[in-house]
């Protein structure tokens, strides 16, 4: 990845701005999940209703454990399927901005994407609130050029790269004693 672009993306995230990044599913837009203004910008850009919270992408299991409570069963699943198409719903350990996770249920979905560019950014800035790069209920962008055509200069930095598209991740609720599959996906539990 272009080091200059990565530096610009890191600075933008730290300033509370929204950046674009490729993931292993679709191209996404991201903000610091602890910065309420940044998350509000993310929702405004997307036109996403507040009742539809976003989850987090993290670089690795260690980062996930700094922000969420993972049981031993959840850790085992993460070790087996991360990076990849597995989202674990856990209890947050930190106070997140409104609309990041489900505030009423006090849960957050966490995933490690299988994309080098996303991982590199996440290693630099930590967990990110991420949603697909599209207006709500429209087709998702698969690369930086498509995302730029949707959001223009409203997104501070677009990291170059293409996402392959594909099936949404398997979602597993790991908040209780037993793991519960909430959405079937590429990972079979």
N, C-alpha and C. Protein backbone atom coordinates (compact mmCIF):
# COMPACT_ATOMS: atom_id res chain seq x y z
N UNK A 1 0.85 -1.18 0.00
CA UNK A 1 0.00 0.00 0.00
C UNK A 1 0.89 1.24 0.00
N UNK A 2 0.40 2.29 -0.60
CA UNK A 2 1.08 3.57 -0.61
C UNK A 2 1.17 4.10 0.82
N UNK A 3 2.39 4.28 1.32
CA UNK A 3 2.61 4.75 2.69
C UNK A 3 2.04 6.13 2.94
N UNK A 4 2.10 6.99 1.93
CA UNK A 4 1.56 8.35 2.08
C UNK A 4 0.05 8.30 2.27
N UNK A 5 -0.62 7.48 1.48
CA UNK A 5 -2.08 7.35 1.60
C UNK A 5 -2.46 6.78 2.97
N UNK A 6 -1.68 5.80 3.44
CA UNK A 6 -1.94 5.23 4.76
C UNK A 6 -1.79 6.31 5.84
N UNK A 7 -0.74 7.10 5.76
CA UNK A 7 -0.54 8.19 6.71
C UNK A 7 -1.68 9.19 6.70
N UNK A 8 -2.16 9.52 5.51
CA UNK A 8 -3.30 10.44 5.38
C UNK A 8 -4.56 9.83 6.00
N UNK A 9 -4.77 8.54 5.78
CA UNK A 9 -5.95 7.87 6.35
C UNK A 9 -5.87 7.84 7.87
N UNK A 10 -4.70 7.55 8.42
CA UNK A 10 -4.52 7.53 9.88
C UNK A 10 -4.82 8.92 10.44
N UNK A 11 -4.26 9.97 9.83
CA UNK A 11 -4.49 11.33 10.31
C UNK A 11 -5.97 11.70 10.22
N UNK A 12 -6.63 11.30 9.14
CA UNK A 12 -8.06 11.60 8.97
C UNK A 12 -8.90 10.93 10.04
N UNK A 13 -8.63 9.65 10.31
CA UNK A 13 -9.37 8.94 11.36
C UNK A 13 -9.17 9.63 12.70
N UNK A 14 -7.94 9.96 13.02
CA UNK A 14 -7.64 10.62 14.31
C UNK A 14 -8.28 11.99 14.42
N UNK A 15 -8.54 12.64 13.27
CA UNK A 15 -9.19 13.95 13.25
C UNK A 15 -10.72 13.84 13.28
N UNK A 16 -11.24 12.61 13.30
CA UNK A 16 -12.68 12.42 13.34
C UNK A 16 -13.34 12.38 11.98
N UNK A 17 -12.54 12.23 10.93
CA UNK A 17 -13.09 12.17 9.58
C UNK A 17 -13.43 10.73 9.18
N UNK A 18 -14.06 10.61 8.02
CA UNK A 18 -14.44 9.31 7.46
C UNK A 18 -13.46 8.97 6.35
N UNK A 19 -13.01 7.71 6.31
CA UNK A 19 -12.11 7.24 5.26
C UNK A 19 -12.73 6.03 4.57
N UNK A 20 -12.26 5.77 3.35
CA UNK A 20 -12.70 4.60 2.60
C UNK A 20 -11.62 3.54 2.61
N UNK A 21 -12.03 2.27 2.69
CA UNK A 21 -11.07 1.17 2.69
C UNK A 21 -11.67 -0.08 2.08
N UNK A 22 -10.84 -0.85 1.36
CA UNK A 22 -11.33 -2.12 0.83
C UNK A 22 -11.35 -3.17 1.94
N UNK A 23 -12.30 -4.08 1.87
CA UNK A 23 -12.34 -5.21 2.80
C UNK A 23 -12.46 -6.49 1.98
N UNK A 24 -12.62 -7.58 2.66
CA UNK A 24 -12.74 -8.87 1.98
C UNK A 24 -14.14 -9.13 1.43
N UNK A 25 -15.09 -8.24 1.70
CA UNK A 25 -16.43 -8.40 1.16
C UNK A 25 -16.74 -7.26 0.20
N UNK A 26 -16.93 -6.03 0.72
CA UNK A 26 -17.20 -4.86 -0.11
C UNK A 26 -16.27 -3.74 0.31
N UNK A 27 -16.23 -2.67 -0.49
CA UNK A 27 -15.48 -1.49 -0.10
C UNK A 27 -16.29 -0.82 1.01
N UNK A 28 -15.59 -0.28 2.01
CA UNK A 28 -16.29 0.29 3.15
C UNK A 28 -15.89 1.73 3.42
N UNK A 29 -16.69 2.37 4.27
CA UNK A 29 -16.33 3.67 4.83
C UNK A 29 -16.27 3.50 6.34
N UNK A 30 -15.29 4.21 6.96
CA UNK A 30 -14.98 3.94 8.35
C UNK A 30 -14.75 5.21 9.15
N UNK A 31 -14.98 5.10 10.47
CA UNK A 31 -14.73 6.19 11.41
C UNK A 31 -14.27 5.59 12.73
N UNK A 32 -13.66 6.42 13.55
CA UNK A 32 -13.25 6.03 14.90
C UNK A 32 -14.51 5.74 15.73
N UNK A 33 -14.66 4.53 16.27
CA UNK A 33 -15.88 4.18 16.99
C UNK A 33 -16.03 4.88 18.34
N UNK A 34 -14.99 5.56 18.78
CA UNK A 34 -15.05 6.29 20.05
C UNK A 34 -15.32 7.78 19.83
N UNK A 35 -15.36 8.21 18.57
CA UNK A 35 -15.56 9.61 18.23
C UNK A 35 -16.99 9.80 17.73
N UNK A 36 -17.83 10.36 18.57
CA UNK A 36 -19.25 10.53 18.23
C UNK A 36 -19.48 11.37 16.98
N UNK A 37 -18.67 12.43 16.79
CA UNK A 37 -18.84 13.27 15.60
C UNK A 37 -18.46 12.51 14.33
N UNK A 38 -17.38 11.72 14.41
CA UNK A 38 -16.97 10.92 13.26
C UNK A 38 -18.02 9.89 12.88
N UNK A 39 -18.58 9.24 13.89
CA UNK A 39 -19.63 8.23 13.62
C UNK A 39 -20.87 8.91 13.07
N UNK A 40 -21.22 10.08 13.59
CA UNK A 40 -22.38 10.81 13.06
C UNK A 40 -22.15 11.16 11.59
N UNK A 41 -20.92 11.56 11.22
CA UNK A 41 -20.60 11.84 9.81
C UNK A 41 -20.79 10.59 8.96
N UNK A 42 -20.33 9.45 9.49
CA UNK A 42 -20.46 8.18 8.78
C UNK A 42 -21.94 7.90 8.46
N UNK A 43 -22.80 8.07 9.45
CA UNK A 43 -24.23 7.82 9.28
C UNK A 43 -24.85 8.83 8.31
N UNK A 44 -24.43 10.10 8.44
CA UNK A 44 -24.97 11.13 7.55
C UNK A 44 -24.61 10.84 6.10
N UNK A 45 -23.35 10.50 5.85
CA UNK A 45 -22.90 10.20 4.49
C UNK A 45 -23.70 9.06 3.88
N UNK A 46 -23.89 8.04 4.65
CA UNK A 46 -24.57 6.85 4.16
C UNK A 46 -26.08 7.05 4.05
N UNK A 47 -26.61 7.97 4.86
CA UNK A 47 -28.06 8.11 4.95
C UNK A 47 -28.64 6.95 5.72
N UNK A 48 -27.85 6.45 6.67
CA UNK A 48 -28.24 5.27 7.43
C UNK A 48 -29.09 5.66 8.63
N UNK A 49 -30.23 5.01 8.82
CA UNK A 49 -31.06 5.30 9.99
C UNK A 49 -30.33 4.91 11.29
N UNK A 50 -30.54 5.70 12.32
CA UNK A 50 -29.88 5.44 13.60
C UNK A 50 -30.25 4.08 14.18
N UNK A 51 -31.39 3.56 13.82
CA UNK A 51 -31.82 2.27 14.38
C UNK A 51 -31.05 1.09 13.78
N UNK A 52 -30.17 1.37 12.80
CA UNK A 52 -29.37 0.31 12.17
C UNK A 52 -27.90 0.51 12.53
N UNK A 53 -27.49 0.02 13.70
CA UNK A 53 -26.12 0.26 14.16
C UNK A 53 -25.09 -0.43 13.27
N UNK A 54 -23.84 0.02 13.38
CA UNK A 54 -22.74 -0.58 12.64
C UNK A 54 -21.85 -1.36 13.60
N UNK A 55 -21.07 -2.27 13.03
CA UNK A 55 -20.14 -3.06 13.83
C UNK A 55 -18.72 -2.54 13.67
N UNK A 56 -17.79 -3.34 14.17
CA UNK A 56 -16.38 -2.97 14.18
C UNK A 56 -15.55 -3.94 13.37
N UNK A 57 -14.54 -3.40 12.71
CA UNK A 57 -13.48 -4.21 12.15
C UNK A 57 -12.26 -4.01 13.03
N UNK A 58 -11.53 -5.08 13.27
CA UNK A 58 -10.30 -5.04 14.07
C UNK A 58 -9.21 -5.77 13.31
N UNK A 59 -7.95 -5.51 13.69
CA UNK A 59 -6.81 -6.10 12.99
C UNK A 59 -6.55 -7.54 13.39
N UNK A 60 -6.94 -7.91 14.62
CA UNK A 60 -6.59 -9.24 15.13
C UNK A 60 -7.37 -9.53 16.41
N UNK A 61 -7.19 -10.72 16.92
CA UNK A 61 -7.89 -11.14 18.14
C UNK A 61 -7.50 -10.25 19.32
N UNK A 62 -6.25 -9.87 19.42
CA UNK A 62 -5.80 -9.01 20.51
C UNK A 62 -6.56 -7.69 20.53
N UNK A 63 -6.72 -7.08 19.36
CA UNK A 63 -7.49 -5.83 19.28
C UNK A 63 -8.94 -6.07 19.67
N UNK A 64 -9.50 -7.18 19.23
CA UNK A 64 -10.90 -7.49 19.57
C UNK A 64 -11.07 -7.57 21.08
N UNK A 65 -10.10 -8.15 21.75
CA UNK A 65 -10.19 -8.32 23.21
C UNK A 65 -10.03 -7.01 23.97
N UNK A 66 -9.46 -5.98 23.34
CA UNK A 66 -9.38 -4.68 24.02
C UNK A 66 -10.72 -3.97 24.02
N UNK A 67 -11.60 -4.35 23.12
CA UNK A 67 -12.86 -3.62 22.97
C UNK A 67 -14.10 -4.45 23.31
N UNK A 68 -13.95 -5.78 23.31
CA UNK A 68 -15.09 -6.64 23.59
C UNK A 68 -14.74 -7.79 24.52
N UNK A 69 -15.75 -8.30 25.21
CA UNK A 69 -15.58 -9.44 26.12
C UNK A 69 -15.78 -10.73 25.32
N UNK A 70 -14.70 -11.47 25.13
CA UNK A 70 -14.78 -12.72 24.36
C UNK A 70 -14.63 -13.91 25.29
N UNK A 71 -15.61 -14.80 25.23
CA UNK A 71 -15.53 -16.04 26.00
C UNK A 71 -14.47 -16.94 25.37
N UNK A 72 -14.13 -18.01 26.06
CA UNK A 72 -13.16 -18.95 25.49
C UNK A 72 -13.69 -19.57 24.21
N UNK A 73 -14.99 -19.85 24.15
CA UNK A 73 -15.59 -20.41 22.93
C UNK A 73 -15.49 -19.40 21.78
N UNK A 74 -15.72 -18.12 22.08
CA UNK A 74 -15.61 -17.08 21.05
C UNK A 74 -14.16 -16.94 20.58
N UNK A 75 -13.22 -16.99 21.51
CA UNK A 75 -11.80 -16.92 21.14
C UNK A 75 -11.42 -18.08 20.23
N UNK A 76 -11.92 -19.26 20.55
CA UNK A 76 -11.60 -20.44 19.73
C UNK A 76 -12.13 -20.26 18.31
N UNK A 77 -13.36 -19.76 18.17
CA UNK A 77 -13.91 -19.50 16.84
C UNK A 77 -13.08 -18.45 16.10
N UNK A 78 -12.70 -17.40 16.81
CA UNK A 78 -11.90 -16.34 16.20
C UNK A 78 -10.56 -16.88 15.72
N UNK A 79 -9.90 -17.68 16.54
CA UNK A 79 -8.60 -18.24 16.14
C UNK A 79 -8.74 -19.11 14.90
N UNK A 80 -9.87 -19.81 14.78
CA UNK A 80 -10.08 -20.70 13.65
C UNK A 80 -10.48 -19.97 12.36
N UNK A 81 -11.24 -18.86 12.49
CA UNK A 81 -11.85 -18.26 11.31
C UNK A 81 -11.42 -16.82 11.00
N UNK A 82 -10.59 -16.22 11.83
CA UNK A 82 -10.10 -14.86 11.55
C UNK A 82 -8.70 -14.92 11.03
N UNK A 83 -8.33 -14.09 10.07
CA UNK A 83 -9.24 -13.18 9.38
C UNK A 83 -10.22 -13.94 8.50
N UNK A 84 -11.41 -13.38 8.36
CA UNK A 84 -12.40 -14.03 7.52
C UNK A 84 -13.81 -13.60 7.82
N UNK A 85 -14.74 -14.33 7.26
CA UNK A 85 -16.15 -13.95 7.24
C UNK A 85 -16.92 -14.43 8.46
N UNK A 86 -16.39 -14.09 9.64
CA UNK A 86 -17.06 -14.42 10.90
C UNK A 86 -17.17 -13.15 11.73
N UNK A 87 -18.41 -12.78 12.08
CA UNK A 87 -18.66 -11.67 12.99
C UNK A 87 -19.10 -12.24 14.31
N UNK A 88 -18.42 -11.82 15.38
CA UNK A 88 -18.79 -12.24 16.72
C UNK A 88 -19.52 -11.10 17.42
N UNK A 89 -20.70 -11.38 17.94
CA UNK A 89 -21.46 -10.39 18.71
C UNK A 89 -21.10 -10.62 20.17
N UNK A 90 -20.53 -9.57 20.78
CA UNK A 90 -20.03 -9.66 22.16
C UNK A 90 -20.48 -8.44 22.95
N UNK A 91 -20.17 -8.43 24.25
CA UNK A 91 -20.42 -7.26 25.09
C UNK A 91 -19.22 -6.32 24.97
N UNK A 92 -19.46 -5.03 24.77
CA UNK A 92 -18.34 -4.10 24.68
C UNK A 92 -17.71 -3.85 26.05
N UNK A 93 -16.40 -3.63 26.05
CA UNK A 93 -15.67 -3.28 27.27
C UNK A 93 -15.52 -1.77 27.42
N UNK A 94 -15.76 -1.05 26.36
CA UNK A 94 -15.57 0.40 26.35
C UNK A 94 -16.87 1.07 25.93
N UNK A 95 -16.95 2.37 26.19
CA UNK A 95 -18.11 3.13 25.78
C UNK A 95 -17.89 3.58 24.35
N UNK A 96 -18.76 3.13 23.48
CA UNK A 96 -18.67 3.42 22.05
C UNK A 96 -19.61 4.58 21.70
N UNK A 97 -19.34 5.23 20.58
CA UNK A 97 -20.22 6.30 20.11
C UNK A 97 -21.61 5.73 19.84
N UNK A 98 -22.61 6.61 19.92
CA UNK A 98 -23.98 6.18 19.62
C UNK A 98 -24.01 5.51 18.25
N UNK A 99 -24.81 4.49 18.12
CA UNK A 99 -25.07 3.76 16.88
C UNK A 99 -23.94 2.81 16.49
N UNK A 100 -22.92 2.70 17.31
CA UNK A 100 -21.90 1.67 17.08
C UNK A 100 -22.31 0.52 17.99
N UNK A 101 -22.72 -0.58 17.39
CA UNK A 101 -23.27 -1.67 18.17
C UNK A 101 -24.70 -1.36 18.57
N UNK A 102 -25.29 -2.26 19.31
CA UNK A 102 -26.68 -2.12 19.75
C UNK A 102 -26.66 -1.65 21.21
N UNK A 103 -26.89 -0.35 21.41
CA UNK A 103 -26.86 0.24 22.74
C UNK A 103 -27.91 -0.32 23.67
N UNK A 104 -29.08 -0.67 23.15
CA UNK A 104 -30.15 -1.21 23.98
C UNK A 104 -29.80 -2.60 24.51
N UNK A 105 -29.23 -3.42 23.64
CA UNK A 105 -28.87 -4.78 24.04
C UNK A 105 -27.46 -4.84 24.63
N UNK A 106 -26.71 -3.74 24.49
CA UNK A 106 -25.32 -3.64 24.95
C UNK A 106 -24.47 -4.72 24.31
N UNK A 107 -24.48 -4.71 22.96
CA UNK A 107 -23.69 -5.67 22.18
C UNK A 107 -22.97 -4.95 21.05
N UNK A 108 -21.94 -5.59 20.53
CA UNK A 108 -21.21 -5.08 19.38
C UNK A 108 -20.76 -6.26 18.53
N UNK A 109 -20.87 -6.11 17.22
CA UNK A 109 -20.36 -7.12 16.29
C UNK A 109 -18.92 -6.78 15.92
N UNK A 110 -18.03 -7.75 16.01
CA UNK A 110 -16.61 -7.54 15.73
C UNK A 110 -16.14 -8.58 14.72
N UNK A 111 -15.30 -8.12 13.76
CA UNK A 111 -14.79 -9.01 12.73
C UNK A 111 -13.39 -8.59 12.30
N UNK A 112 -12.57 -9.55 11.91
CA UNK A 112 -11.26 -9.29 11.32
C UNK A 112 -11.38 -9.56 9.82
N UNK A 113 -11.24 -8.52 8.99
CA UNK A 113 -11.38 -8.72 7.54
C UNK A 113 -10.14 -9.41 6.97
N UNK A 114 -10.35 -10.17 5.92
CA UNK A 114 -9.24 -10.86 5.25
C UNK A 114 -8.80 -10.01 4.05
N UNK A 115 -8.27 -8.83 4.34
CA UNK A 115 -7.79 -7.92 3.30
C UNK A 115 -6.59 -7.16 3.85
N UNK A 116 -5.46 -7.24 3.16
CA UNK A 116 -4.21 -6.65 3.64
C UNK A 116 -4.30 -5.15 3.87
N UNK A 117 -4.95 -4.41 2.98
CA UNK A 117 -5.05 -2.96 3.13
C UNK A 117 -5.84 -2.62 4.39
N UNK A 118 -6.96 -3.27 4.59
CA UNK A 118 -7.77 -3.02 5.79
C UNK A 118 -6.98 -3.35 7.05
N UNK A 119 -6.30 -4.49 7.05
CA UNK A 119 -5.52 -4.90 8.22
C UNK A 119 -4.43 -3.87 8.52
N UNK A 120 -3.76 -3.39 7.50
CA UNK A 120 -2.69 -2.41 7.70
C UNK A 120 -3.22 -1.14 8.36
N UNK A 121 -4.37 -0.64 7.90
CA UNK A 121 -4.97 0.53 8.52
C UNK A 121 -5.39 0.24 9.95
N UNK A 122 -6.05 -0.90 10.17
CA UNK A 122 -6.51 -1.26 11.52
C UNK A 122 -5.34 -1.41 12.48
N UNK A 123 -4.20 -1.91 12.03
CA UNK A 123 -3.03 -2.02 12.89
C UNK A 123 -2.54 -0.65 13.32
N UNK A 124 -2.71 0.34 12.46
CA UNK A 124 -2.25 1.70 12.77
C UNK A 124 -3.21 2.46 13.68
N UNK A 125 -4.52 2.31 13.47
CA UNK A 125 -5.48 3.15 14.19
C UNK A 125 -6.31 2.41 15.22
N UNK A 126 -6.30 1.10 15.21
CA UNK A 126 -7.15 0.34 16.11
C UNK A 126 -8.50 0.06 15.50
N UNK A 127 -9.45 -0.41 16.29
CA UNK A 127 -10.77 -0.78 15.79
C UNK A 127 -11.45 0.39 15.08
N UNK A 128 -12.21 0.06 14.05
CA UNK A 128 -12.96 1.06 13.29
C UNK A 128 -14.42 0.65 13.14
N UNK A 129 -15.30 1.66 13.24
CA UNK A 129 -16.71 1.46 12.89
C UNK A 129 -16.78 1.51 11.37
N UNK A 130 -17.27 0.45 10.76
CA UNK A 130 -17.25 0.35 9.30
C UNK A 130 -18.61 -0.10 8.77
N UNK A 131 -18.98 0.51 7.65
CA UNK A 131 -20.18 0.11 6.93
C UNK A 131 -19.87 0.12 5.44
N UNK A 132 -20.68 -0.53 4.66
CA UNK A 132 -20.44 -0.59 3.22
C UNK A 132 -20.51 0.80 2.60
N UNK A 133 -19.70 1.01 1.56
CA UNK A 133 -19.64 2.30 0.87
C UNK A 133 -20.76 2.38 -0.15
N UNK A 134 -21.90 2.83 0.31
CA UNK A 134 -23.06 3.04 -0.55
C UNK A 134 -24.06 3.86 0.22
N UNK A 135 -24.99 4.44 -0.48
CA UNK A 135 -26.12 5.08 0.20
C UNK A 135 -27.04 3.94 0.64
N UNK A 136 -27.72 4.14 1.73
CA UNK A 136 -28.58 3.10 2.27
C UNK A 136 -29.53 2.55 1.20
N UNK A 137 -29.57 1.23 1.13
CA UNK A 137 -30.43 0.49 0.22
C UNK A 137 -30.04 0.60 -1.26
N UNK A 138 -28.81 1.03 -1.55
CA UNK A 138 -28.28 1.07 -2.92
C UNK A 138 -27.15 0.04 -3.02
N UNK A 139 -26.68 -0.24 -4.24
CA UNK A 139 -25.60 -1.22 -4.43
C UNK A 139 -24.31 -0.75 -3.77
N UNK A 140 -23.58 -1.70 -3.18
CA UNK A 140 -22.32 -1.40 -2.51
C UNK A 140 -21.21 -1.19 -3.52
N UNK A 141 -20.31 -0.26 -3.22
CA UNK A 141 -19.11 -0.06 -4.03
C UNK A 141 -18.15 -1.23 -3.77
N UNK A 142 -17.40 -1.60 -4.81
CA UNK A 142 -16.42 -2.66 -4.66
C UNK A 142 -14.98 -2.16 -4.73
N UNK A 143 -14.80 -0.88 -5.08
CA UNK A 143 -13.44 -0.34 -5.07
C UNK A 143 -13.48 1.16 -4.79
N UNK A 144 -12.28 1.75 -4.65
CA UNK A 144 -12.16 3.15 -4.29
C UNK A 144 -12.78 4.08 -5.35
N UNK A 145 -12.68 3.73 -6.62
CA UNK A 145 -13.24 4.58 -7.67
C UNK A 145 -14.77 4.63 -7.57
N UNK A 146 -15.40 3.48 -7.37
CA UNK A 146 -16.86 3.45 -7.21
C UNK A 146 -17.28 4.23 -5.96
N UNK A 147 -16.54 4.06 -4.87
CA UNK A 147 -16.87 4.77 -3.63
C UNK A 147 -16.73 6.28 -3.83
N UNK A 148 -15.67 6.70 -4.51
CA UNK A 148 -15.46 8.14 -4.77
C UNK A 148 -16.60 8.70 -5.62
N UNK A 149 -17.12 7.90 -6.56
CA UNK A 149 -18.22 8.38 -7.40
C UNK A 149 -19.50 8.57 -6.58
N UNK A 150 -19.61 7.88 -5.46
CA UNK A 150 -20.78 8.01 -4.59
C UNK A 150 -20.60 9.17 -3.62
N UNK A 151 -19.45 9.26 -2.97
CA UNK A 151 -19.26 10.20 -1.86
C UNK A 151 -18.39 11.41 -2.17
N UNK A 152 -17.64 11.38 -3.27
CA UNK A 152 -16.80 12.51 -3.63
C UNK A 152 -15.86 12.93 -2.51
N UNK A 153 -15.76 14.24 -2.29
CA UNK A 153 -14.84 14.77 -1.28
C UNK A 153 -15.39 14.69 0.14
N UNK A 154 -16.59 14.14 0.32
CA UNK A 154 -17.13 13.99 1.67
C UNK A 154 -16.39 12.93 2.47
N UNK A 155 -15.72 12.02 1.78
CA UNK A 155 -14.83 11.05 2.43
C UNK A 155 -13.43 11.61 2.29
N UNK A 156 -12.70 11.73 3.40
CA UNK A 156 -11.40 12.41 3.41
C UNK A 156 -10.33 11.71 2.60
N UNK A 157 -10.24 10.39 2.73
CA UNK A 157 -9.19 9.60 2.07
C UNK A 157 -9.82 8.29 1.59
N UNK A 158 -9.48 7.91 0.37
CA UNK A 158 -9.87 6.61 -0.17
C UNK A 158 -8.62 5.77 -0.32
N UNK A 159 -8.50 4.70 0.45
CA UNK A 159 -7.38 3.79 0.25
C UNK A 159 -7.68 2.95 -0.98
N UNK A 160 -6.70 2.86 -1.87
CA UNK A 160 -6.91 2.12 -3.10
C UNK A 160 -7.05 0.63 -2.84
N UNK A 161 -7.86 0.01 -3.64
CA UNK A 161 -8.03 -1.43 -3.54
C UNK A 161 -9.41 -1.85 -3.98
N UNK A 162 -9.51 -3.13 -4.25
CA UNK A 162 -10.77 -3.71 -4.70
C UNK A 162 -11.21 -4.78 -3.71
N UNK A 163 -12.49 -4.80 -3.46
CA UNK A 163 -13.10 -5.85 -2.64
C UNK A 163 -13.75 -6.85 -3.59
N UNK A 164 -13.66 -8.14 -3.27
CA UNK A 164 -14.19 -9.13 -4.19
C UNK A 164 -15.71 -9.24 -4.20
N UNK A 165 -16.38 -8.62 -3.24
CA UNK A 165 -17.82 -8.81 -3.12
C UNK A 165 -18.07 -10.18 -2.52
N UNK A 166 -19.27 -10.60 -2.47
CA UNK A 166 -19.52 -11.93 -1.94
C UNK A 166 -20.56 -11.95 -0.86
N UNK A 167 -20.58 -13.04 -0.16
CA UNK A 167 -21.60 -13.31 0.85
C UNK A 167 -21.27 -12.58 2.15
N UNK A 168 -22.29 -12.05 2.80
CA UNK A 168 -22.11 -11.42 4.11
C UNK A 168 -21.60 -12.45 5.11
N UNK A 169 -20.91 -11.96 6.12
CA UNK A 169 -20.28 -12.85 7.10
C UNK A 169 -21.31 -13.64 7.91
N UNK A 170 -20.86 -14.76 8.44
CA UNK A 170 -21.63 -15.51 9.42
C UNK A 170 -21.61 -14.69 10.71
N UNK A 171 -22.75 -14.54 11.36
CA UNK A 171 -22.84 -13.77 12.60
C UNK A 171 -23.21 -14.71 13.74
N UNK A 172 -22.37 -14.69 14.79
CA UNK A 172 -22.58 -15.57 15.94
C UNK A 172 -22.69 -14.72 17.21
N UNK A 173 -23.78 -14.92 17.95
CA UNK A 173 -23.96 -14.25 19.24
C UNK A 173 -23.14 -15.02 20.27
N UNK A 174 -22.12 -14.35 20.82
CA UNK A 174 -21.24 -14.97 21.80
C UNK A 174 -21.40 -14.31 23.16
N UNK A 175 -22.59 -13.73 23.41
CA UNK A 175 -22.80 -13.02 24.68
C UNK A 175 -23.28 -13.93 25.80
N UNK A 176 -23.80 -15.08 25.47
CA UNK A 176 -24.34 -15.98 26.49
C UNK A 176 -23.47 -17.20 26.71
N UNK A 177 -23.99 -18.14 27.44
CA UNK A 177 -23.26 -19.38 27.74
C UNK A 177 -23.02 -20.19 26.47
N UNK A 178 -24.03 -20.21 25.59
CA UNK A 178 -23.92 -20.96 24.33
C UNK A 178 -23.78 -20.01 23.15
N UNK A 179 -23.03 -20.44 22.15
CA UNK A 179 -22.92 -19.67 20.92
C UNK A 179 -24.18 -19.88 20.09
N UNK A 180 -24.72 -18.79 19.52
CA UNK A 180 -25.95 -18.87 18.73
C UNK A 180 -25.70 -18.21 17.38
N UNK A 181 -25.94 -18.95 16.31
CA UNK A 181 -25.78 -18.40 14.96
C UNK A 181 -26.99 -17.50 14.67
N UNK A 182 -26.71 -16.22 14.42
CA UNK A 182 -27.76 -15.25 14.11
C UNK A 182 -27.98 -15.12 12.62
N UNK A 183 -26.91 -15.32 11.83
CA UNK A 183 -27.01 -15.25 10.37
C UNK A 183 -26.05 -16.27 9.78
N UNK A 184 -26.58 -17.11 8.92
CA UNK A 184 -25.75 -18.07 8.19
C UNK A 184 -24.90 -17.32 7.18
N UNK A 185 -23.72 -17.82 6.94
CA UNK A 185 -22.83 -17.20 5.96
C UNK A 185 -21.78 -18.22 5.53
N UNK A 186 -20.64 -17.75 5.05
CA UNK A 186 -19.62 -18.64 4.53
C UNK A 186 -18.97 -19.56 5.57
N UNK A 187 -18.99 -19.12 6.84
CA UNK A 187 -18.37 -19.93 7.90
C UNK A 187 -19.46 -20.80 8.51
N UNK A 188 -19.24 -22.09 8.51
CA UNK A 188 -20.20 -23.02 9.10
C UNK A 188 -19.81 -23.29 10.55
N UNK A 189 -20.77 -23.12 11.44
CA UNK A 189 -20.53 -23.34 12.88
C UNK A 189 -21.23 -24.62 13.30
